[in-house]
Amino acid sequence: MAAACSFSIDEPGPLDLVGQNASWRYDDTSGIAAAGWNLSSFDDTGWKEGRGPFGWACAETTSLFWGDCPGPDNCENGSVLSAYFRHGFDFPFGSAEETASVDVQRDDGIRVFLNGSLLFDDHVEPGGGAVFLEPGEPIDVHRDIENAPFVDGTNILAVELVQAGLGSQDACFGLRLTALPR
């Protein structure tokens, strides 16, 4: 009698694309977005580089300078209220049919772009800054994005961290991006 042959094929699991401690290029000095800063074609070589998570008065790996506001007690009118982040990553065989899972720690508001397309925003007013939040910041946010605009090859993740106002006492940003199996 022949022995029965059996085998199993494991289903593919999530693919980590950007880790919480990834290296990012960032601009925390101007508070004004450069034209096309969130597009793949933008040249960010003049920006600073650091590892996430980022912040100020937070559990950060890389401290933000935050323009003319280097600490919670030094804010003056005209201080920077936004910081901009970019991270490039390779995703062989990536396509717009993929589902992305995004886990973000943010304080105050955030806008997240992939290859120039807005994936989502959280606690950001349509034309302005962040809305003030309840005590207990920073906030962890999870989003699953169906049909995320991945491309085969190099992808650019771009994030705007927005402060609620000059009186905001801290800033935090950390992000993890995963592609979920189809």
N, C-alpha and C. Protein backbone atom coordinates (compact mmCIF):
# COMPACT_ATOMS: atom_id res chain seq x y z
N MET A 1 0.84 -1.15 0.00
CA MET A 1 0.00 0.00 0.00
C MET A 1 0.90 1.23 0.00
N ALA A 2 0.57 2.14 -0.87
CA ALA A 2 1.36 3.38 -0.98
C ALA A 2 1.03 4.31 0.18
N ALA A 3 2.06 5.00 0.66
CA ALA A 3 1.86 5.97 1.74
C ALA A 3 1.16 7.21 1.19
N ALA A 4 0.26 7.74 1.98
CA ALA A 4 -0.44 8.96 1.58
C ALA A 4 0.52 10.14 1.65
N CYS A 5 0.43 10.99 0.67
CA CYS A 5 1.29 12.17 0.62
C CYS A 5 0.42 13.39 0.91
N SER A 6 0.83 14.19 1.85
CA SER A 6 0.07 15.40 2.12
C SER A 6 1.03 16.56 2.35
N PHE A 7 0.57 17.72 2.01
CA PHE A 7 1.35 18.94 2.24
C PHE A 7 0.37 20.10 2.35
N SER A 8 0.87 21.17 2.88
CA SER A 8 0.02 22.35 2.98
C SER A 8 0.80 23.56 2.49
N ILE A 9 0.07 24.51 1.98
CA ILE A 9 0.66 25.76 1.52
C ILE A 9 0.16 26.85 2.45
N ASP A 10 1.10 27.52 3.08
CA ASP A 10 0.72 28.61 3.97
C ASP A 10 0.22 29.79 3.16
N GLU A 11 -0.83 30.42 3.66
CA GLU A 11 -1.32 31.64 3.05
C GLU A 11 -0.29 32.75 3.27
N PRO A 12 -0.13 33.63 2.30
CA PRO A 12 0.83 34.72 2.52
C PRO A 12 0.36 35.62 3.65
N GLY A 13 1.31 36.11 4.40
CA GLY A 13 1.00 37.00 5.52
C GLY A 13 1.24 38.44 5.13
N PRO A 14 1.03 39.34 6.08
CA PRO A 14 1.30 40.76 5.82
C PRO A 14 2.77 40.98 5.49
N LEU A 15 3.03 41.97 4.65
CA LEU A 15 4.39 42.33 4.26
C LEU A 15 4.72 43.70 4.84
N ASP A 16 5.66 43.74 5.78
CA ASP A 16 6.07 45.01 6.37
C ASP A 16 6.85 45.81 5.34
N LEU A 17 6.39 47.03 5.07
CA LEU A 17 7.02 47.91 4.09
C LEU A 17 7.78 49.06 4.75
N VAL A 18 7.21 49.62 5.81
CA VAL A 18 7.85 50.72 6.55
C VAL A 18 7.67 50.42 8.03
N GLY A 19 8.77 50.30 8.74
CA GLY A 19 8.74 50.00 10.16
C GLY A 19 8.68 51.25 11.02
N GLN A 20 8.32 51.07 12.28
CA GLN A 20 8.19 52.17 13.23
C GLN A 20 9.49 52.95 13.38
N ASN A 21 10.64 52.28 13.25
CA ASN A 21 11.94 52.93 13.41
C ASN A 21 12.62 53.20 12.08
N ALA A 22 11.85 53.32 11.02
CA ALA A 22 12.41 53.58 9.70
C ALA A 22 13.09 54.94 9.65
N SER A 23 13.99 55.08 8.70
CA SER A 23 14.67 56.35 8.46
C SER A 23 13.84 57.19 7.49
N TRP A 24 13.62 58.44 7.84
CA TRP A 24 12.81 59.37 7.05
C TRP A 24 13.63 60.61 6.74
N ARG A 25 13.31 61.26 5.64
CA ARG A 25 13.78 62.63 5.40
C ARG A 25 12.66 63.53 5.89
N TYR A 26 13.04 64.67 6.49
CA TYR A 26 12.00 65.53 7.05
C TYR A 26 12.42 66.99 7.03
N ASP A 27 11.41 67.86 7.01
CA ASP A 27 11.58 69.31 7.08
C ASP A 27 10.74 69.82 8.24
N ASP A 28 11.42 70.26 9.29
CA ASP A 28 10.72 70.79 10.46
C ASP A 28 11.07 72.26 10.69
N THR A 29 11.51 72.92 9.63
CA THR A 29 12.01 74.29 9.81
C THR A 29 11.14 75.37 9.19
N SER A 30 10.44 75.07 8.12
CA SER A 30 9.75 76.14 7.40
C SER A 30 8.28 76.26 7.76
N GLY A 31 7.61 75.16 8.05
CA GLY A 31 6.19 75.18 8.33
C GLY A 31 5.32 75.33 7.11
N ILE A 32 5.94 75.52 5.96
CA ILE A 32 5.21 75.69 4.70
C ILE A 32 5.66 74.60 3.75
N ALA A 33 4.71 73.88 3.20
CA ALA A 33 5.05 72.79 2.30
C ALA A 33 5.64 73.32 1.00
N ALA A 34 6.76 72.74 0.58
CA ALA A 34 7.31 73.06 -0.73
C ALA A 34 6.38 72.46 -1.79
N ALA A 35 6.29 73.11 -2.92
CA ALA A 35 5.42 72.62 -4.00
C ALA A 35 5.80 71.19 -4.36
N GLY A 36 4.82 70.31 -4.38
CA GLY A 36 5.03 68.93 -4.79
C GLY A 36 5.78 68.08 -3.78
N TRP A 37 5.85 68.51 -2.53
CA TRP A 37 6.63 67.79 -1.52
C TRP A 37 6.18 66.35 -1.33
N ASN A 38 4.92 66.05 -1.64
CA ASN A 38 4.38 64.71 -1.43
C ASN A 38 4.44 63.82 -2.68
N LEU A 39 5.02 64.34 -3.77
CA LEU A 39 5.10 63.58 -5.02
C LEU A 39 6.40 62.79 -5.10
N SER A 40 6.39 61.71 -5.84
CA SER A 40 7.58 60.87 -6.01
C SER A 40 8.74 61.63 -6.63
N SER A 41 8.45 62.60 -7.48
CA SER A 41 9.49 63.32 -8.21
C SER A 41 10.18 64.41 -7.38
N PHE A 42 9.69 64.71 -6.18
CA PHE A 42 10.25 65.78 -5.36
C PHE A 42 11.66 65.42 -4.87
N ASP A 43 12.57 66.40 -4.93
CA ASP A 43 13.95 66.20 -4.47
C ASP A 43 14.05 66.61 -3.00
N ASP A 44 14.17 65.63 -2.11
CA ASP A 44 14.25 65.90 -0.68
C ASP A 44 15.67 65.79 -0.13
N THR A 45 16.68 65.80 -1.01
CA THR A 45 18.05 65.61 -0.55
C THR A 45 18.53 66.72 0.38
N GLY A 46 17.92 67.89 0.36
CA GLY A 46 18.29 68.97 1.26
C GLY A 46 17.63 68.89 2.62
N TRP A 47 16.76 67.93 2.81
CA TRP A 47 16.05 67.78 4.08
C TRP A 47 16.92 67.01 5.08
N LYS A 48 16.60 67.14 6.36
CA LYS A 48 17.26 66.37 7.42
C LYS A 48 16.88 64.90 7.29
N GLU A 49 17.63 64.05 7.98
CA GLU A 49 17.29 62.63 7.99
C GLU A 49 17.34 62.13 9.43
N GLY A 50 16.37 61.30 9.80
CA GLY A 50 16.34 60.75 11.14
C GLY A 50 15.46 59.51 11.20
N ARG A 51 15.54 58.81 12.31
CA ARG A 51 14.75 57.59 12.52
C ARG A 51 13.52 57.91 13.36
N GLY A 52 12.42 57.25 13.00
CA GLY A 52 11.20 57.42 13.76
C GLY A 52 11.26 56.64 15.06
N PRO A 53 10.39 56.92 15.98
CA PRO A 53 9.40 57.99 15.94
C PRO A 53 10.03 59.37 16.17
N PHE A 54 9.30 60.38 15.73
CA PHE A 54 9.74 61.78 15.82
C PHE A 54 8.89 62.51 16.85
N GLY A 55 9.43 63.60 17.37
CA GLY A 55 8.61 64.37 18.27
C GLY A 55 9.35 65.45 19.01
N TRP A 56 8.63 65.94 19.98
CA TRP A 56 9.12 66.99 20.86
C TRP A 56 8.25 66.91 22.10
N ALA A 57 8.88 66.71 23.24
CA ALA A 57 8.18 66.47 24.50
C ALA A 57 7.34 65.20 24.41
N CYS A 58 7.91 64.18 23.77
CA CYS A 58 7.23 62.92 23.50
C CYS A 58 8.28 61.81 23.63
N ALA A 59 7.92 60.58 23.48
CA ALA A 59 8.88 59.47 23.53
C ALA A 59 9.50 59.26 22.16
N GLU A 60 10.21 60.28 21.67
CA GLU A 60 10.74 60.25 20.32
C GLU A 60 12.14 59.66 20.26
N THR A 61 12.49 59.15 19.08
CA THR A 61 13.86 58.77 18.77
C THR A 61 14.58 59.97 18.19
N THR A 62 13.91 60.73 17.33
CA THR A 62 14.46 61.93 16.72
C THR A 62 13.62 63.13 17.16
N SER A 63 14.28 64.10 17.77
CA SER A 63 13.57 65.31 18.23
C SER A 63 13.40 66.29 17.08
N LEU A 64 12.22 66.86 17.00
CA LEU A 64 11.95 67.89 16.01
C LEU A 64 12.38 69.24 16.57
N PHE A 65 12.90 70.09 15.70
CA PHE A 65 13.29 71.44 16.10
C PHE A 65 12.07 72.34 16.16
N TRP A 66 11.14 72.14 15.28
CA TRP A 66 9.87 72.86 15.22
C TRP A 66 10.07 74.35 14.99
N GLY A 67 10.95 74.67 14.05
CA GLY A 67 11.15 76.05 13.64
C GLY A 67 11.64 76.93 14.76
N ASP A 68 10.95 78.03 15.03
CA ASP A 68 11.34 78.96 16.08
C ASP A 68 10.81 78.53 17.44
N CYS A 69 10.42 77.29 17.57
CA CYS A 69 9.79 76.81 18.79
C CYS A 69 10.52 75.55 19.27
N PRO A 70 11.78 75.67 19.78
CA PRO A 70 12.55 74.49 20.14
C PRO A 70 12.10 73.80 21.41
N GLY A 71 11.14 74.34 22.10
CA GLY A 71 10.63 73.71 23.31
C GLY A 71 9.26 74.26 23.64
N PRO A 72 8.52 73.57 24.51
CA PRO A 72 7.15 73.97 24.77
C PRO A 72 7.01 75.36 25.38
N ASP A 73 8.06 75.89 26.00
CA ASP A 73 7.95 77.20 26.62
C ASP A 73 8.51 78.33 25.76
N ASN A 74 8.97 78.02 24.53
CA ASN A 74 9.64 79.02 23.70
C ASN A 74 8.84 79.40 22.46
N CYS A 75 7.56 79.07 22.41
CA CYS A 75 6.76 79.36 21.22
C CYS A 75 6.43 80.86 21.12
N GLU A 76 6.58 81.38 19.92
CA GLU A 76 6.23 82.77 19.65
C GLU A 76 5.39 82.79 18.38
N ASN A 77 4.75 83.92 18.12
CA ASN A 77 3.99 84.04 16.88
C ASN A 77 4.90 83.78 15.70
N GLY A 78 4.37 83.11 14.70
CA GLY A 78 5.15 82.79 13.51
C GLY A 78 5.88 81.47 13.61
N SER A 79 5.71 80.75 14.73
CA SER A 79 6.38 79.46 14.87
C SER A 79 5.80 78.46 13.87
N VAL A 80 6.61 77.47 13.55
CA VAL A 80 6.21 76.44 12.61
C VAL A 80 5.08 75.61 13.19
N LEU A 81 4.06 75.35 12.40
CA LEU A 81 2.94 74.54 12.85
C LEU A 81 2.80 73.23 12.11
N SER A 82 3.68 72.97 11.12
CA SER A 82 3.66 71.70 10.39
C SER A 82 5.08 71.23 10.17
N ALA A 83 5.24 69.92 10.13
CA ALA A 83 6.51 69.31 9.73
C ALA A 83 6.18 68.29 8.66
N TYR A 84 7.12 68.05 7.75
CA TYR A 84 6.89 67.21 6.57
C TYR A 84 7.89 66.07 6.55
N PHE A 85 7.42 64.88 6.23
CA PHE A 85 8.23 63.67 6.27
C PHE A 85 8.07 62.91 4.96
N ARG A 86 9.17 62.27 4.51
CA ARG A 86 9.14 61.44 3.30
C ARG A 86 9.98 60.19 3.53
N HIS A 87 9.45 59.06 3.05
CA HIS A 87 10.17 57.79 3.14
C HIS A 87 9.96 57.02 1.85
N GLY A 88 11.05 56.65 1.21
CA GLY A 88 10.98 55.83 0.00
C GLY A 88 11.21 54.37 0.35
N PHE A 89 10.46 53.49 -0.29
CA PHE A 89 10.62 52.05 -0.06
C PHE A 89 10.32 51.30 -1.35
N ASP A 90 10.97 50.17 -1.52
CA ASP A 90 10.74 49.33 -2.69
C ASP A 90 9.66 48.32 -2.39
N PHE A 91 8.78 48.13 -3.37
CA PHE A 91 7.71 47.15 -3.26
C PHE A 91 7.62 46.43 -4.59
N PRO A 92 8.47 45.42 -4.80
CA PRO A 92 8.40 44.67 -6.05
C PRO A 92 7.01 44.07 -6.22
N PHE A 93 6.49 44.20 -7.39
CA PHE A 93 5.18 43.66 -7.74
C PHE A 93 4.04 44.40 -7.05
N GLY A 94 4.30 45.58 -6.51
CA GLY A 94 3.24 46.38 -5.90
C GLY A 94 2.26 46.84 -6.97
N SER A 95 1.00 46.95 -6.59
CA SER A 95 -0.01 47.42 -7.53
C SER A 95 -1.11 48.14 -6.77
N ALA A 96 -1.95 48.83 -7.50
CA ALA A 96 -3.05 49.60 -6.90
C ALA A 96 -4.17 48.70 -6.38
N GLU A 97 -4.05 47.39 -6.56
CA GLU A 97 -5.06 46.49 -6.02
C GLU A 97 -4.74 46.05 -4.60
N GLU A 98 -3.61 46.48 -4.08
CA GLU A 98 -3.19 46.07 -2.74
C GLU A 98 -3.99 46.80 -1.66
N THR A 99 -4.09 46.17 -0.50
CA THR A 99 -4.65 46.82 0.67
C THR A 99 -3.50 47.16 1.60
N ALA A 100 -3.48 48.39 2.05
CA ALA A 100 -2.44 48.85 2.97
C ALA A 100 -3.02 48.92 4.37
N SER A 101 -2.22 48.57 5.34
CA SER A 101 -2.57 48.75 6.74
C SER A 101 -1.60 49.78 7.30
N VAL A 102 -2.14 50.88 7.86
CA VAL A 102 -1.33 51.97 8.38
C VAL A 102 -1.61 52.12 9.86
N ASP A 103 -0.55 52.06 10.65
CA ASP A 103 -0.64 52.33 12.08
C ASP A 103 0.20 53.56 12.36
N VAL A 104 -0.45 54.59 12.93
CA VAL A 104 0.21 55.87 13.16
C VAL A 104 0.01 56.26 14.62
N GLN A 105 1.08 56.80 15.19
CA GLN A 105 0.95 57.52 16.45
C GLN A 105 1.14 58.98 16.11
N ARG A 106 0.15 59.82 16.47
CA ARG A 106 0.22 61.21 16.07
C ARG A 106 -0.28 62.13 17.18
N ASP A 107 0.30 63.33 17.16
CA ASP A 107 -0.09 64.40 18.07
C ASP A 107 0.36 65.69 17.38
N ASP A 108 -0.40 66.51 16.83
CA ASP A 108 -1.83 66.64 16.96
C ASP A 108 -2.54 65.99 15.76
N GLY A 109 -2.42 66.55 14.55
CA GLY A 109 -3.12 66.03 13.38
C GLY A 109 -2.13 65.51 12.34
N ILE A 110 -2.67 64.79 11.35
CA ILE A 110 -1.79 64.16 10.37
C ILE A 110 -2.49 64.00 9.02
N ARG A 111 -1.71 64.13 7.95
CA ARG A 111 -2.14 63.79 6.59
C ARG A 111 -1.13 62.78 6.05
N VAL A 112 -1.61 61.68 5.48
CA VAL A 112 -0.73 60.62 4.98
C VAL A 112 -0.97 60.43 3.49
N PHE A 113 0.11 60.51 2.71
CA PHE A 113 0.07 60.37 1.24
C PHE A 113 0.92 59.18 0.81
N LEU A 114 0.50 58.51 -0.25
CA LEU A 114 1.30 57.47 -0.90
C LEU A 114 1.38 57.81 -2.37
N ASN A 115 2.60 58.03 -2.85
CA ASN A 115 2.84 58.38 -4.26
C ASN A 115 1.98 59.56 -4.71
N GLY A 116 1.85 60.54 -3.84
CA GLY A 116 1.13 61.77 -4.16
C GLY A 116 -0.36 61.74 -3.90
N SER A 117 -0.92 60.58 -3.60
CA SER A 117 -2.36 60.46 -3.34
C SER A 117 -2.61 60.45 -1.84
N LEU A 118 -3.59 61.24 -1.40
CA LEU A 118 -3.95 61.27 0.01
C LEU A 118 -4.58 59.94 0.40
N LEU A 119 -3.96 59.23 1.36
CA LEU A 119 -4.55 57.99 1.87
C LEU A 119 -5.61 58.31 2.92
N PHE A 120 -5.27 59.20 3.85
CA PHE A 120 -6.22 59.64 4.87
C PHE A 120 -5.63 60.81 5.63
N ASP A 121 -6.51 61.50 6.33
CA ASP A 121 -6.06 62.49 7.30
C ASP A 121 -6.83 62.23 8.59
N ASP A 122 -6.29 62.75 9.68
CA ASP A 122 -6.91 62.52 10.98
C ASP A 122 -6.70 63.75 11.84
N HIS A 123 -7.81 64.32 12.31
CA HIS A 123 -7.82 65.52 13.16
C HIS A 123 -7.14 66.70 12.48
N VAL A 124 -7.43 66.87 11.20
CA VAL A 124 -6.93 68.00 10.43
C VAL A 124 -8.12 68.73 9.83
N GLU A 125 -8.14 70.04 10.00
CA GLU A 125 -9.21 70.84 9.41
C GLU A 125 -8.97 70.91 7.91
N PRO A 126 -10.03 70.97 7.09
CA PRO A 126 -9.88 70.93 5.63
C PRO A 126 -8.87 71.91 5.05
N GLY A 127 -8.83 73.15 5.49
CA GLY A 127 -7.89 74.08 4.90
C GLY A 127 -6.84 74.60 5.85
N GLY A 128 -6.77 74.00 7.04
CA GLY A 128 -5.88 74.60 8.02
C GLY A 128 -5.19 73.61 8.90
N GLY A 129 -5.07 73.98 10.17
CA GLY A 129 -4.30 73.20 11.13
C GLY A 129 -5.10 72.06 11.72
N ALA A 130 -4.52 71.50 12.77
CA ALA A 130 -5.15 70.39 13.47
C ALA A 130 -6.19 70.93 14.43
N VAL A 131 -7.12 70.08 14.80
CA VAL A 131 -8.09 70.44 15.81
C VAL A 131 -7.54 70.04 17.17
N PHE A 132 -7.85 70.79 18.20
CA PHE A 132 -7.39 70.41 19.53
C PHE A 132 -8.04 69.09 19.94
N LEU A 133 -7.29 68.28 20.64
CA LEU A 133 -7.74 66.96 21.02
C LEU A 133 -7.94 66.88 22.52
N GLU A 134 -8.59 65.83 22.93
CA GLU A 134 -8.79 65.58 24.35
C GLU A 134 -7.44 65.26 25.00
N PRO A 135 -7.35 65.45 26.32
CA PRO A 135 -6.12 65.04 27.02
C PRO A 135 -5.85 63.56 26.81
N GLY A 136 -4.61 63.20 26.91
CA GLY A 136 -4.24 61.80 26.71
C GLY A 136 -3.50 61.59 25.42
N GLU A 137 -3.11 62.68 24.76
CA GLU A 137 -2.35 62.53 23.53
C GLU A 137 -1.02 61.89 23.87
N PRO A 138 -0.28 61.28 22.99
CA PRO A 138 -0.59 61.08 21.58
C PRO A 138 -1.66 60.00 21.36
N ILE A 139 -2.18 59.99 20.16
CA ILE A 139 -3.27 59.10 19.78
C ILE A 139 -2.76 58.07 18.78
N ASP A 140 -3.14 56.80 18.97
CA ASP A 140 -2.83 55.75 18.01
C ASP A 140 -3.99 55.62 17.04
N VAL A 141 -3.67 55.61 15.76
CA VAL A 141 -4.68 55.54 14.70
C VAL A 141 -4.36 54.35 13.80
N HIS A 142 -5.38 53.57 13.45
CA HIS A 142 -5.21 52.45 12.51
C HIS A 142 -6.17 52.66 11.34
N ARG A 143 -5.65 52.48 10.14
CA ARG A 143 -6.49 52.54 8.94
C ARG A 143 -6.09 51.40 7.99
N ASP A 144 -7.09 50.72 7.45
CA ASP A 144 -6.88 49.80 6.32
C ASP A 144 -7.34 50.54 5.08
N ILE A 145 -6.48 50.62 4.09
CA ILE A 145 -6.77 51.36 2.86
C ILE A 145 -6.86 50.37 1.70
N GLU A 146 -8.07 50.17 1.19
CA GLU A 146 -8.24 49.28 0.04
C GLU A 146 -7.79 50.00 -1.22
N ASN A 147 -7.23 49.27 -2.16
CA ASN A 147 -6.75 49.82 -3.44
C ASN A 147 -5.78 50.97 -3.21
N ALA A 148 -4.84 50.76 -2.30
CA ALA A 148 -3.81 51.77 -2.04
C ALA A 148 -2.98 51.95 -3.32
N PRO A 149 -2.57 53.17 -3.62
CA PRO A 149 -1.89 53.45 -4.89
C PRO A 149 -0.40 53.07 -4.91
N PHE A 150 -0.11 51.79 -4.58
CA PHE A 150 1.25 51.29 -4.68
C PHE A 150 1.65 51.19 -6.14
N VAL A 151 2.94 51.29 -6.40
CA VAL A 151 3.48 51.04 -7.73
C VAL A 151 4.54 49.96 -7.61
N ASP A 152 4.80 49.28 -8.71
CA ASP A 152 5.86 48.29 -8.78
C ASP A 152 7.19 49.02 -8.74
N GLY A 153 7.98 48.81 -7.69
CA GLY A 153 9.27 49.48 -7.55
C GLY A 153 9.26 50.45 -6.39
N THR A 154 9.87 51.62 -6.60
CA THR A 154 10.00 52.60 -5.52
C THR A 154 8.71 53.37 -5.30
N ASN A 155 8.27 53.41 -4.05
CA ASN A 155 7.08 54.14 -3.62
C ASN A 155 7.52 55.21 -2.62
N ILE A 156 6.77 56.30 -2.57
CA ILE A 156 7.07 57.38 -1.63
C ILE A 156 5.89 57.59 -0.69
N LEU A 157 6.17 57.42 0.60
CA LEU A 157 5.20 57.70 1.64
C LEU A 157 5.53 59.10 2.16
N ALA A 158 4.55 59.99 2.19
CA ALA A 158 4.76 61.37 2.64
C ALA A 158 3.72 61.70 3.70
N VAL A 159 4.18 62.38 4.76
CA VAL A 159 3.31 62.67 5.90
C VAL A 159 3.48 64.12 6.31
N GLU A 160 2.35 64.78 6.58
CA GLU A 160 2.38 66.11 7.17
C GLU A 160 1.86 65.98 8.60
N LEU A 161 2.68 66.41 9.55
CA LEU A 161 2.30 66.47 10.95
C LEU A 161 1.90 67.90 11.24
N VAL A 162 0.66 68.11 11.71
CA VAL A 162 0.10 69.45 11.88
C VAL A 162 -0.17 69.69 13.36
N GLN A 163 0.31 70.82 13.87
CA GLN A 163 0.04 71.20 15.25
C GLN A 163 -1.28 71.96 15.33
N ALA A 164 -1.94 71.83 16.47
CA ALA A 164 -3.23 72.49 16.67
C ALA A 164 -3.08 73.99 16.85
N GLY A 165 -1.92 74.46 17.28
CA GLY A 165 -1.71 75.89 17.47
C GLY A 165 -0.44 76.14 18.25
N LEU A 166 -0.14 77.40 18.43
CA LEU A 166 1.10 77.78 19.11
C LEU A 166 1.14 77.30 20.55
N GLY A 167 0.01 77.08 21.16
CA GLY A 167 -0.02 76.63 22.54
C GLY A 167 0.14 75.13 22.71
N SER A 168 0.24 74.40 21.61
CA SER A 168 0.39 72.96 21.69
C SER A 168 1.72 72.63 22.37
N GLN A 169 1.68 71.75 23.36
CA GLN A 169 2.85 71.50 24.20
C GLN A 169 3.71 70.33 23.75
N ASP A 170 3.34 69.64 22.69
CA ASP A 170 4.12 68.50 22.24
C ASP A 170 3.79 68.17 20.80
N ALA A 171 4.58 67.28 20.22
CA ALA A 171 4.36 66.80 18.86
C ALA A 171 4.88 65.38 18.80
N CYS A 172 4.15 64.48 18.15
CA CYS A 172 4.57 63.09 18.02
C CYS A 172 4.18 62.55 16.65
N PHE A 173 5.07 61.74 16.09
CA PHE A 173 4.77 61.07 14.84
C PHE A 173 5.59 59.78 14.75
N GLY A 174 4.89 58.69 14.55
CA GLY A 174 5.49 57.40 14.26
C GLY A 174 4.55 56.66 13.34
N LEU A 175 5.07 55.84 12.43
CA LEU A 175 4.20 55.18 11.45
C LEU A 175 4.76 53.82 11.09
N ARG A 176 3.84 52.89 10.86
CA ARG A 176 4.16 51.56 10.33
C ARG A 176 3.21 51.29 9.18
N LEU A 177 3.76 50.82 8.05
CA LEU A 177 2.96 50.53 6.85
C LEU A 177 3.17 49.07 6.47
N THR A 178 2.06 48.38 6.27
CA THR A 178 2.08 46.97 5.92
C THR A 178 1.18 46.75 4.71
N ALA A 179 1.61 45.90 3.79
CA ALA A 179 0.72 45.47 2.69
C ALA A 179 0.07 44.17 3.14
N LEU A 180 -1.26 44.12 3.01
CA LEU A 180 -2.01 42.93 3.40
C LEU A 180 -2.18 42.02 2.20
N PRO A 181 -2.19 40.71 2.42
CA PRO A 181 -2.34 39.80 1.27
C PRO A 181 -3.69 39.99 0.60
N ARG A 182 -3.71 39.77 -0.71
CA ARG A 182 -4.96 39.87 -1.48
C ARG A 182 -5.82 38.69 -1.27
